[in-house]
PDB file of all heavy atoms in Angstrom:
ATOM      1  N   GLY A   1     -88.701  -4.499-181.436  1.00  0.00           N
ATOM      2  CA  GLY A   1     -87.648  -4.871-180.520  1.00  0.00           C
ATOM      3  C   GLY A   1     -88.111  -5.719-179.366  1.00  0.00           C
ATOM      4  O   GLY A   1     -89.083  -5.386-178.722  1.00  0.00           O
ATOM      5  N   PHE A   2     -87.385  -6.861-179.099  1.00  0.00           N
ATOM      6  CA  PHE A   2     -87.645  -7.705-177.928  1.00  0.00           C
ATOM      7  C   PHE A   2     -89.104  -8.173-177.826  1.00  0.00           C
ATOM      8  O   PHE A   2     -89.770  -8.108-176.780  1.00  0.00           O
ATOM      9  CB  PHE A   2     -87.244  -6.985-176.636  1.00  0.00           C
ATOM     10  CG  PHE A   2     -85.857  -6.379-176.749  1.00  0.00           C
ATOM     11  CD1 PHE A   2     -85.649  -5.023-176.755  1.00  0.00           C
ATOM     12  CD2 PHE A   2     -84.753  -7.196-176.825  1.00  0.00           C
ATOM     13  CE1 PHE A   2     -84.400  -4.453-176.855  1.00  0.00           C
ATOM     14  CE2 PHE A   2     -83.470  -6.672-176.920  1.00  0.00           C
ATOM     15  CZ  PHE A   2     -83.267  -5.308-176.934  1.00  0.00           C
ATOM     16  N   ARG A   3     -89.571  -8.656-178.986  1.00  0.00           N
ATOM     17  CA  ARG A   3     -90.928  -9.170-179.031  1.00  0.00           C
ATOM     18  C   ARG A   3     -90.899 -10.544-179.687  1.00  0.00           C
ATOM     19  O   ARG A   3     -90.048 -10.795-180.562  1.00  0.00           O
ATOM     20  CB  ARG A   3     -91.881  -8.231-179.809  1.00  0.00           C
ATOM     21  CG  ARG A   3     -92.094  -6.892-179.164  1.00  0.00           C
ATOM     22  CD  ARG A   3     -93.073  -6.076-179.974  1.00  0.00           C
ATOM     23  NE  ARG A   3     -94.327  -6.725-180.103  1.00  0.00           N
ATOM     24  CZ  ARG A   3     -95.304  -6.317-180.960  1.00  0.00           C
ATOM     25  NH1 ARG A   3     -95.120  -5.269-181.724  1.00  0.00           N
ATOM     26  NH2 ARG A   3     -96.489  -6.989-181.019  1.00  0.00           N
ATOM     27  N   PRO A   4     -91.832 -11.453-179.298  1.00  0.00           N
ATOM     28  CA  PRO A   4     -91.858 -12.775-179.948  1.00  0.00           C
ATOM     29  C   PRO A   4     -92.027 -12.684-181.463  1.00  0.00           C
ATOM     30  O   PRO A   4     -92.880 -11.904-181.934  1.00  0.00           O
ATOM     31  CB  PRO A   4     -93.043 -13.459-179.249  1.00  0.00           C
ATOM     32  CG  PRO A   4     -93.306 -12.703-178.034  1.00  0.00           C
ATOM     33  CD  PRO A   4     -92.869 -11.332-178.254  1.00  0.00           C
ATOM     34  N   ASN A   5     -91.276 -13.445-182.190  1.00  0.00           N
ATOM     35  CA  ASN A   5     -91.376 -13.555-183.647  1.00  0.00           C
ATOM     36  C   ASN A   5     -91.112 -12.257-184.356  1.00  0.00           C
ATOM     37  O   ASN A   5     -91.569 -12.039-185.495  1.00  0.00           O
ATOM     38  CB  ASN A   5     -92.778 -14.087-184.041  1.00  0.00           C
ATOM     39  CG  ASN A   5     -93.079 -15.440-183.371  1.00  0.00           C
ATOM     40  OD1 ASN A   5     -92.248 -16.329-183.342  1.00  0.00           O
ATOM     41  ND2 ASN A   5     -94.290 -15.532-182.807  1.00  0.00           N
ATOM     42  N   ARG A   6     -90.385 -11.325-183.710  1.00  0.00           N
ATOM     43  CA  ARG A   6     -90.032 -10.053-184.317  1.00  0.00           C
ATOM     44  C   ARG A   6     -88.546  -9.831-184.070  1.00  0.00           C
ATOM     45  O   ARG A   6     -87.979 -10.296-183.068  1.00  0.00           O
ATOM     46  CB  ARG A   6     -90.855  -8.914-183.802  1.00  0.00           C
ATOM     47  CG  ARG A   6     -92.316  -8.893-184.258  1.00  0.00           C
ATOM     48  CD  ARG A   6     -93.178  -7.871-183.660  1.00  0.00           C
ATOM     49  NE  ARG A   6     -94.491  -7.889-184.152  1.00  0.00           N
ATOM     50  CZ  ARG A   6     -94.967  -7.000-185.063  1.00  0.00           C
ATOM     51  NH1 ARG A   6     -94.174  -6.026-185.502  1.00  0.00           N
ATOM     52  NH2 ARG A   6     -96.188  -7.116-185.534  1.00  0.00           N
ATOM     53  N   SER A   7     -87.925  -9.079-184.948  1.00  0.00           N
ATOM     54  CA  SER A   7     -86.489  -8.896-184.863  1.00  0.00           C
ATOM     55  C   SER A   7     -86.063  -7.740-185.751  1.00  0.00           C
ATOM     56  O   SER A   7     -86.901  -7.046-186.320  1.00  0.00           O
ATOM     57  CB  SER A   7     -85.761 -10.147-185.357  1.00  0.00           C
ATOM     58  OG  SER A   7     -86.058 -10.360-186.734  1.00  0.00           O
ATOM     59  N   VAL A   8     -84.740  -7.493-185.826  1.00  0.00           N
ATOM     60  CA  VAL A   8     -84.208  -6.530-186.763  1.00  0.00           C
ATOM     61  C   VAL A   8     -84.649  -6.855-188.190  1.00  0.00           C
ATOM     62  O   VAL A   8     -84.943  -5.976-188.999  1.00  0.00           O
ATOM     63  CB  VAL A   8     -82.660  -6.488-186.682  1.00  0.00           C
ATOM     64  CG1 VAL A   8     -82.088  -5.592-187.756  1.00  0.00           C
ATOM     65  CG2 VAL A   8     -82.252  -5.980-185.322  1.00  0.00           C
ATOM     66  N   HIS A   9     -84.725  -8.149-188.500  1.00  0.00           N
ATOM     67  CA  HIS A   9     -85.088  -8.605-189.833  1.00  0.00           C
ATOM     68  C   HIS A   9     -86.518  -8.231-190.176  1.00  0.00           C
ATOM     69  O   HIS A   9     -86.822  -7.831-191.281  1.00  0.00           O
ATOM     70  CB  HIS A   9     -84.858 -10.087-189.999  1.00  0.00           C
ATOM     71  CG  HIS A   9     -83.460 -10.508-189.701  1.00  0.00           C
ATOM     72  ND1 HIS A   9     -82.378 -10.118-190.485  1.00  0.00           N
ATOM     73  CD2 HIS A   9     -82.930 -11.203-188.668  1.00  0.00           C
ATOM     74  CE1 HIS A   9     -81.254 -10.626-189.972  1.00  0.00           C
ATOM     75  NE2 HIS A   9     -81.567 -11.265-188.865  1.00  0.00           N
ATOM     76  N   SER A  10     -87.422  -8.344-189.180  1.00  0.00           N
ATOM     77  CA  SER A  10     -88.809  -7.956-189.473  1.00  0.00           C
ATOM     78  C   SER A  10     -88.939  -6.444-189.598  1.00  0.00           C
ATOM     79  O   SER A  10     -89.786  -5.979-190.390  1.00  0.00           O
ATOM     80  CB  SER A  10     -89.718  -8.502-188.360  1.00  0.00           C
ATOM     81  OG  SER A  10     -89.441  -7.940-187.113  1.00  0.00           O
ATOM     82  N   ALA A  11     -88.099  -5.693-188.892  1.00  0.00           N
ATOM     83  CA  ALA A  11     -88.124  -4.258-189.031  1.00  0.00           C
ATOM     84  C   ALA A  11     -87.650  -3.875-190.440  1.00  0.00           C
ATOM     85  O   ALA A  11     -88.220  -3.011-191.075  1.00  0.00           O
ATOM     86  CB  ALA A  11     -87.214  -3.581-187.989  1.00  0.00           C
ATOM     87  N   LEU A  12     -86.568  -4.503-190.884  1.00  0.00           N
ATOM     88  CA  LEU A  12     -86.052  -4.269-192.222  1.00  0.00           C
ATOM     89  C   LEU A  12     -87.096  -4.620-193.306  1.00  0.00           C
ATOM     90  O   LEU A  12     -87.293  -3.876-194.240  1.00  0.00           O
ATOM     91  CB  LEU A  12     -84.799  -5.064-192.459  1.00  0.00           C
ATOM     92  CG  LEU A  12     -84.128  -5.016-193.871  1.00  0.00           C
ATOM     93  CD1 LEU A  12     -83.824  -3.531-194.252  1.00  0.00           C
ATOM     94  CD2 LEU A  12     -82.911  -5.845-193.968  1.00  0.00           C
ATOM     95  N   ALA A  13     -87.775  -5.753-193.116  1.00  0.00           N
ATOM     96  CA  ALA A  13     -88.804  -6.136-194.073  1.00  0.00           C
ATOM     97  C   ALA A  13     -89.891  -5.052-194.151  1.00  0.00           C
ATOM     98  O   ALA A  13     -90.420  -4.789-195.225  1.00  0.00           O
ATOM     99  CB  ALA A  13     -89.434  -7.495-193.654  1.00  0.00           C
ATOM    100  N   GLN A  14     -90.260  -4.441-192.989  1.00  0.00           N
ATOM    101  CA  GLN A  14     -91.268  -3.409-193.041  1.00  0.00           C
ATOM    102  C   GLN A  14     -90.754  -2.182-193.768  1.00  0.00           C
ATOM    103  O   GLN A  14     -91.473  -1.608-194.573  1.00  0.00           O
ATOM    104  CB  GLN A  14     -91.651  -3.035-191.584  1.00  0.00           C
ATOM    105  CG  GLN A  14     -92.780  -2.009-191.516  1.00  0.00           C
ATOM    106  CD  GLN A  14     -93.231  -1.767-190.091  1.00  0.00           C
ATOM    107  OE1 GLN A  14     -93.197  -2.650-189.251  1.00  0.00           O
ATOM    108  NE2 GLN A  14     -93.623  -0.562-189.809  1.00  0.00           N
ATOM    109  N   VAL A  15     -89.482  -1.788-193.508  1.00  0.00           N
ATOM    110  CA  VAL A  15     -88.929  -0.642-194.173  1.00  0.00           C
ATOM    111  C   VAL A  15     -88.872  -0.833-195.701  1.00  0.00           C
ATOM    112  O   VAL A  15     -89.048   0.130-196.465  1.00  0.00           O
ATOM    113  CB  VAL A  15     -87.497  -0.333-193.593  1.00  0.00           C
ATOM    114  CG1 VAL A  15     -86.832   0.786-194.424  1.00  0.00           C
ATOM    115  CG2 VAL A  15     -87.589   0.102-192.145  1.00  0.00           C
ATOM    116  N   GLU A  16     -88.634  -2.067-196.120  1.00  0.00           N
ATOM    117  CA  GLU A  16     -88.516  -2.328-197.561  1.00  0.00           C
ATOM    118  C   GLU A  16     -89.875  -2.161-198.284  1.00  0.00           C
ATOM    119  O   GLU A  16     -89.856  -2.131-199.522  1.00  0.00           O
ATOM    120  CB  GLU A  16     -87.945  -3.718-197.762  1.00  0.00           C
ATOM    121  CG  GLU A  16     -86.478  -3.841-197.448  1.00  0.00           C
ATOM    122  CD  GLU A  16     -85.933  -5.215-197.600  1.00  0.00           C
ATOM    123  OE1 GLU A  16     -86.702  -6.175-197.628  1.00  0.00           O
ATOM    124  OE2 GLU A  16     -84.656  -5.375-197.776  1.00  0.00           O
ATOM    125  N   THR A  17     -90.938  -2.059-197.560  1.00  0.00           N
ATOM    126  CA  THR A  17     -92.260  -1.854-198.210  1.00  0.00           C
ATOM    127  C   THR A  17     -92.523  -0.338-198.405  1.00  0.00           C
ATOM    128  O   THR A  17     -93.537   0.012-199.010  1.00  0.00           O
ATOM    129  CB  THR A  17     -93.410  -2.390-197.321  1.00  0.00           C
ATOM    130  OG1 THR A  17     -93.488  -1.708-196.099  1.00  0.00           O
ATOM    131  CG2 THR A  17     -93.189  -3.889-197.073  1.00  0.00           C
ATOM    132  N   TRP A  18     -91.640   0.536-197.908  1.00  0.00           N
ATOM    133  CA  TRP A  18     -91.825   1.941-198.037  1.00  0.00           C
ATOM    134  C   TRP A  18     -91.400   2.439-199.403  1.00  0.00           C
ATOM    135  O   TRP A  18     -90.271   2.836-199.618  1.00  0.00           O
ATOM    136  CB  TRP A  18     -91.020   2.709-196.964  1.00  0.00           C
ATOM    137  CG  TRP A  18     -91.359   2.386-195.558  1.00  0.00           C
ATOM    138  CD1 TRP A  18     -92.354   1.520-195.098  1.00  0.00           C
ATOM    139  CD2 TRP A  18     -90.746   2.888-194.398  1.00  0.00           C
ATOM    140  NE1 TRP A  18     -92.330   1.503-193.724  1.00  0.00           N
ATOM    141  CE2 TRP A  18     -91.370   2.280-193.281  1.00  0.00           C
ATOM    142  CE3 TRP A  18     -89.680   3.776-194.161  1.00  0.00           C
ATOM    143  CZ2 TRP A  18     -90.981   2.602-191.951  1.00  0.00           C
ATOM    144  CZ3 TRP A  18     -89.292   4.060-192.861  1.00  0.00           C
ATOM    145  CH2 TRP A  18     -89.916   3.482-191.795  1.00  0.00           C
ATOM    146  N   ARG A  19     -92.320   2.373-200.345  1.00  0.00           N
ATOM    147  CA  ARG A  19     -91.996   2.725-201.733  1.00  0.00           C
ATOM    148  C   ARG A  19     -91.889   4.262-201.915  1.00  0.00           C
ATOM    149  O   ARG A  19     -92.696   4.976-201.360  1.00  0.00           O
ATOM    150  CB  ARG A  19     -93.050   2.175-202.662  1.00  0.00           C
ATOM    151  CG  ARG A  19     -93.252   0.673-202.565  1.00  0.00           C
ATOM    152  CD  ARG A  19     -91.985  -0.108-202.912  1.00  0.00           C
ATOM    153  NE  ARG A  19     -92.207  -1.530-202.812  1.00  0.00           N
ATOM    154  CZ  ARG A  19     -91.228  -2.450-202.740  1.00  0.00           C
ATOM    155  NH1 ARG A  19     -89.975  -2.043-202.781  1.00  0.00           N
ATOM    156  NH2 ARG A  19     -91.522  -3.714-202.677  1.00  0.00           N
ATOM    157  N   SER A  20     -90.937   4.694-202.685  1.00  0.00           N
ATOM    158  CA  SER A  20     -90.755   6.073-203.119  1.00  0.00           C
ATOM    159  C   SER A  20     -90.550   7.060-201.959  1.00  0.00           C
ATOM    160  O   SER A  20     -90.847   8.217-202.073  1.00  0.00           O
ATOM    161  CB  SER A  20     -91.971   6.508-203.906  1.00  0.00           C
ATOM    162  OG  SER A  20     -92.199   5.663-205.038  1.00  0.00           O
ATOM    163  N   THR A  21     -90.020   6.579-200.830  1.00  0.00           N
ATOM    164  CA  THR A  21     -89.721   7.415-199.645  1.00  0.00           C
ATOM    165  C   THR A  21     -88.732   8.500-200.088  1.00  0.00           C
ATOM    166  O   THR A  21     -87.784   8.220-200.784  1.00  0.00           O
ATOM    167  CB  THR A  21     -89.193   6.597-198.472  1.00  0.00           C
ATOM    168  OG1 THR A  21     -90.204   5.660-198.115  1.00  0.00           O
ATOM    169  CG2 THR A  21     -88.896   7.492-197.319  1.00  0.00           C
ATOM    170  N   VAL A  22     -88.942   9.739-199.654  1.00  0.00           N
ATOM    171  CA  VAL A  22     -88.058  10.835-200.038  1.00  0.00           C
ATOM    172  C   VAL A  22     -87.166  11.214-198.866  1.00  0.00           C
ATOM    173  O   VAL A  22     -85.982  11.399-199.015  1.00  0.00           O
ATOM    174  CB  VAL A  22     -88.913  12.102-200.438  1.00  0.00           C
ATOM    175  CG1 VAL A  22     -88.003  13.240-200.809  1.00  0.00           C
ATOM    176  CG2 VAL A  22     -89.816  11.729-201.643  1.00  0.00           C
ATOM    177  N   TRP A  23     -87.752  11.319-197.649  1.00  0.00           N
ATOM    178  CA  TRP A  23     -86.980  11.743-196.453  1.00  0.00           C
ATOM    179  C   TRP A  23     -87.063  10.712-195.341  1.00  0.00           C
ATOM    180  O   TRP A  23     -88.082  10.084-195.081  1.00  0.00           O
ATOM    181  CB  TRP A  23     -87.450  13.055-195.908  1.00  0.00           C
ATOM    182  CG  TRP A  23     -87.271  14.201-196.877  1.00  0.00           C
ATOM    183  CD1 TRP A  23     -88.207  14.765-197.688  1.00  0.00           C
ATOM    184  CD2 TRP A  23     -86.028  14.897-197.183  1.00  0.00           C
ATOM    185  NE1 TRP A  23     -87.667  15.771-198.439  1.00  0.00           N
ATOM    186  CE2 TRP A  23     -86.300  15.835-198.162  1.00  0.00           C
ATOM    187  CE3 TRP A  23     -84.745  14.751-196.682  1.00  0.00           C
ATOM    188  CZ2 TRP A  23     -85.322  16.715-198.664  1.00  0.00           C
ATOM    189  CZ3 TRP A  23     -83.748  15.636-197.201  1.00  0.00           C
ATOM    190  CH2 TRP A  23     -84.043  16.563-198.212  1.00  0.00           C
ATOM    191  N   PHE A  24     -85.924  10.533-194.637  1.00  0.00           N
ATOM    192  CA  PHE A  24     -85.880   9.684-193.451  1.00  0.00           C
ATOM    193  C   PHE A  24     -85.531  10.488-192.195  1.00  0.00           C
ATOM    194  O   PHE A  24     -84.692  11.329-192.296  1.00  0.00           O
ATOM    195  CB  PHE A  24     -84.813   8.557-193.612  1.00  0.00           C
ATOM    196  CG  PHE A  24     -85.156   7.467-194.602  1.00  0.00           C
ATOM    197  CD1 PHE A  24     -84.522   7.439-195.870  1.00  0.00           C
ATOM    198  CD2 PHE A  24     -86.108   6.515-194.280  1.00  0.00           C
ATOM    199  CE1 PHE A  24     -84.849   6.368-196.745  1.00  0.00           C
ATOM    200  CE2 PHE A  24     -86.453   5.539-195.169  1.00  0.00           C
ATOM    201  CZ  PHE A  24     -85.765   5.461-196.392  1.00  0.00           C
ATOM    202  N   ILE A  25     -86.224  10.187-191.110  1.00  0.00           N
ATOM    203  CA  ILE A  25     -85.883  10.746-189.815  1.00  0.00           C
ATOM    204  C   ILE A  25     -85.367   9.625-188.948  1.00  0.00           C
ATOM    205  O   ILE A  25     -86.100   8.676-188.661  1.00  0.00           O
ATOM    206  CB  ILE A  25     -87.071  11.400-189.126  1.00  0.00           C
ATOM    207  CG1 ILE A  25     -87.750  12.432-189.979  1.00  0.00           C
ATOM    208  CG2 ILE A  25     -86.669  11.988-187.798  1.00  0.00           C
ATOM    209  CD1 ILE A  25     -89.066  13.018-189.487  1.00  0.00           C
ATOM    210  N   GLU A  26     -84.071   9.646-188.683  1.00  0.00           N
ATOM    211  CA  GLU A  26     -83.478   8.597-187.878  1.00  0.00           C
ATOM    212  C   GLU A  26     -83.517   8.992-186.396  1.00  0.00           C
ATOM    213  O   GLU A  26     -82.707   9.827-185.967  1.00  0.00           O
ATOM    214  CB  GLU A  26     -82.013   8.327-188.250  1.00  0.00           C
ATOM    215  CG  GLU A  26     -81.859   7.930-189.777  1.00  0.00           C
ATOM    216  CD  GLU A  26     -80.374   7.993-190.167  1.00  0.00           C
ATOM    217  OE1 GLU A  26     -79.624   7.156-189.647  1.00  0.00           O
ATOM    218  OE2 GLU A  26     -80.054   8.824-191.003  1.00  0.00           O
ATOM    219  N   GLY A  27     -84.474   8.459-185.646  1.00  0.00           N
ATOM    220  CA  GLY A  27     -84.750   8.944-184.278  1.00  0.00           C
ATOM    221  C   GLY A  27     -83.906   8.202-183.265  1.00  0.00           C
ATOM    222  O   GLY A  27     -83.855   6.959-183.224  1.00  0.00           O
ATOM    223  N   ASP A  28     -83.244   8.965-182.386  1.00  0.00           N
ATOM    224  CA  ASP A  28     -82.485   8.434-181.288  1.00  0.00           C
ATOM    225  C   ASP A  28     -82.875   9.095-180.017  1.00  0.00           C
ATOM    226  O   ASP A  28     -82.723  10.305-179.872  1.00  0.00           O
ATOM    227  CB  ASP A  28     -80.975   8.584-181.557  1.00  0.00           C
ATOM    228  CG  ASP A  28     -80.139   7.957-180.470  1.00  0.00           C
ATOM    229  OD1 ASP A  28     -80.015   8.552-179.385  1.00  0.00           O
ATOM    230  OD2 ASP A  28     -79.581   6.870-180.707  1.00  0.00           O
ATOM    231  N   ILE A  29     -83.416   8.313-179.070  1.00  0.00           N
ATOM    232  CA  ILE A  29     -83.848   8.836-177.765  1.00  0.00           C
ATOM    233  C   ILE A  29     -82.672   8.786-176.799  1.00  0.00           C
ATOM    234  O   ILE A  29     -82.095   7.691-176.578  1.00  0.00           O
ATOM    235  CB  ILE A  29     -85.037   8.088-177.184  1.00  0.00           C
ATOM    236  CG1 ILE A  29     -86.217   8.134-178.188  1.00  0.00           C
ATOM    237  CG2 ILE A  29     -85.490   8.666-175.839  1.00  0.00           C
ATOM    238  CD1 ILE A  29     -87.421   7.234-177.811  1.00  0.00           C
ATOM    239  N   SER A  30     -82.297   9.943-176.276  1.00  0.00           N
ATOM    240  CA  SER A  30     -81.092  10.003-175.395  1.00  0.00           C
ATOM    241  C   SER A  30     -81.345   9.176-174.084  1.00  0.00           C
ATOM    242  O   SER A  30     -82.278   9.423-173.408  1.00  0.00           O
ATOM    243  CB  SER A  30     -80.777  11.413-175.033  1.00  0.00           C
ATOM    244  OG  SER A  30     -80.465  12.148-176.151  1.00  0.00           O
ATOM    245  N   ALA A  31     -80.425   8.211-173.866  1.00  0.00           N
ATOM    246  CA  ALA A  31     -80.437   7.451-172.618  1.00  0.00           C
ATOM    247  C   ALA A  31     -81.839   6.986-172.198  1.00  0.00           C
ATOM    248  O   ALA A  31     -82.234   7.197-171.038  1.00  0.00           O
ATOM    249  CB  ALA A  31     -79.769   8.290-171.504  1.00  0.00           C
ATOM    250  N   CYS A  32     -82.549   6.457-173.162  1.00  0.00           N
ATOM    251  CA  CYS A  32     -83.978   6.131-172.875  1.00  0.00           C
ATOM    252  C   CYS A  32     -84.179   5.260-171.673  1.00  0.00           C
ATOM    253  O   CYS A  32     -85.001   5.560-170.779  1.00  0.00           O
ATOM    254  CB  CYS A  32     -84.574   5.497-174.129  1.00  0.00           C
ATOM    255  SG  CYS A  32     -86.299   4.994-173.922  1.00  0.00           S
ATOM    256  N   PHE A  33     -83.473   4.120-171.590  1.00  0.00           N
ATOM    257  CA  PHE A  33     -83.675   3.199-170.466  1.00  0.00           C
ATOM    258  C   PHE A  33     -83.335   3.863-169.142  1.00  0.00           C
ATOM    259  O   PHE A  33     -83.992   3.622-168.141  1.00  0.00           O
ATOM    260  CB  PHE A  33     -82.784   1.964-170.644  1.00  0.00           C
ATOM    261  CG  PHE A  33     -83.344   0.930-171.602  1.00  0.00           C
ATOM    262  CD1 PHE A  33     -83.238   1.122-172.959  1.00  0.00           C
ATOM    263  CD2 PHE A  33     -83.991  -0.200-171.121  1.00  0.00           C
ATOM    264  CE1 PHE A  33     -83.774   0.150-173.863  1.00  0.00           C
ATOM    265  CE2 PHE A  33     -84.548  -1.149-172.003  1.00  0.00           C
ATOM    266  CZ  PHE A  33     -84.432  -0.945-173.381  1.00  0.00           C
ATOM    267  N   ASP A  34     -82.355   4.785-169.153  1.00  0.00           N
ATOM    268  CA  ASP A  34     -81.939   5.408-167.921  1.00  0.00           C
ATOM    269  C   ASP A  34     -82.904   6.535-167.473  1.00  0.00           C
ATOM    270  O   ASP A  34     -82.871   7.015-166.320  1.00  0.00           O
ATOM    271  CB  ASP A  34     -80.500   5.994-168.035  1.00  0.00           C
ATOM    272  CG  ASP A  34     -79.515   4.892-168.216  1.00  0.00           C
ATOM    273  OD1 ASP A  34     -79.732   3.795-167.705  1.00  0.00           O
ATOM    274  OD2 ASP A  34     -78.464   5.167-168.881  1.00  0.00           O
ATOM    275  N   GLU A  35     -83.711   7.045-168.435  1.00  0.00           N
ATOM    276  CA  GLU A  35     -84.549   8.236-168.185  1.00  0.00           C
ATOM    277  C   GLU A  35     -86.025   7.949-168.023  1.00  0.00           C
ATOM    278  O   GLU A  35     -86.818   8.868-167.925  1.00  0.00           O
ATOM    279  CB  GLU A  35     -84.333   9.269-169.251  1.00  0.00           C
ATOM    280  CG  GLU A  35     -82.929   9.862-169.312  1.00  0.00           C
ATOM    281  CD  GLU A  35     -82.612  10.607-168.003  1.00  0.00           C
ATOM    282  OE1 GLU A  35     -83.487  11.282-167.433  1.00  0.00           O
ATOM    283  OE2 GLU A  35     -81.435  10.543-167.519  1.00  0.00           O
TER     284      GLU A  35
END
């Protein structure tokens, strides 16, 4: 996030290399910027 030459698309490209993944943890930090 918010880095030169990186984006949502580069994040997706990284996730697509995760072969045979069984479980996902979708992490959400509550009000991160505010805290």
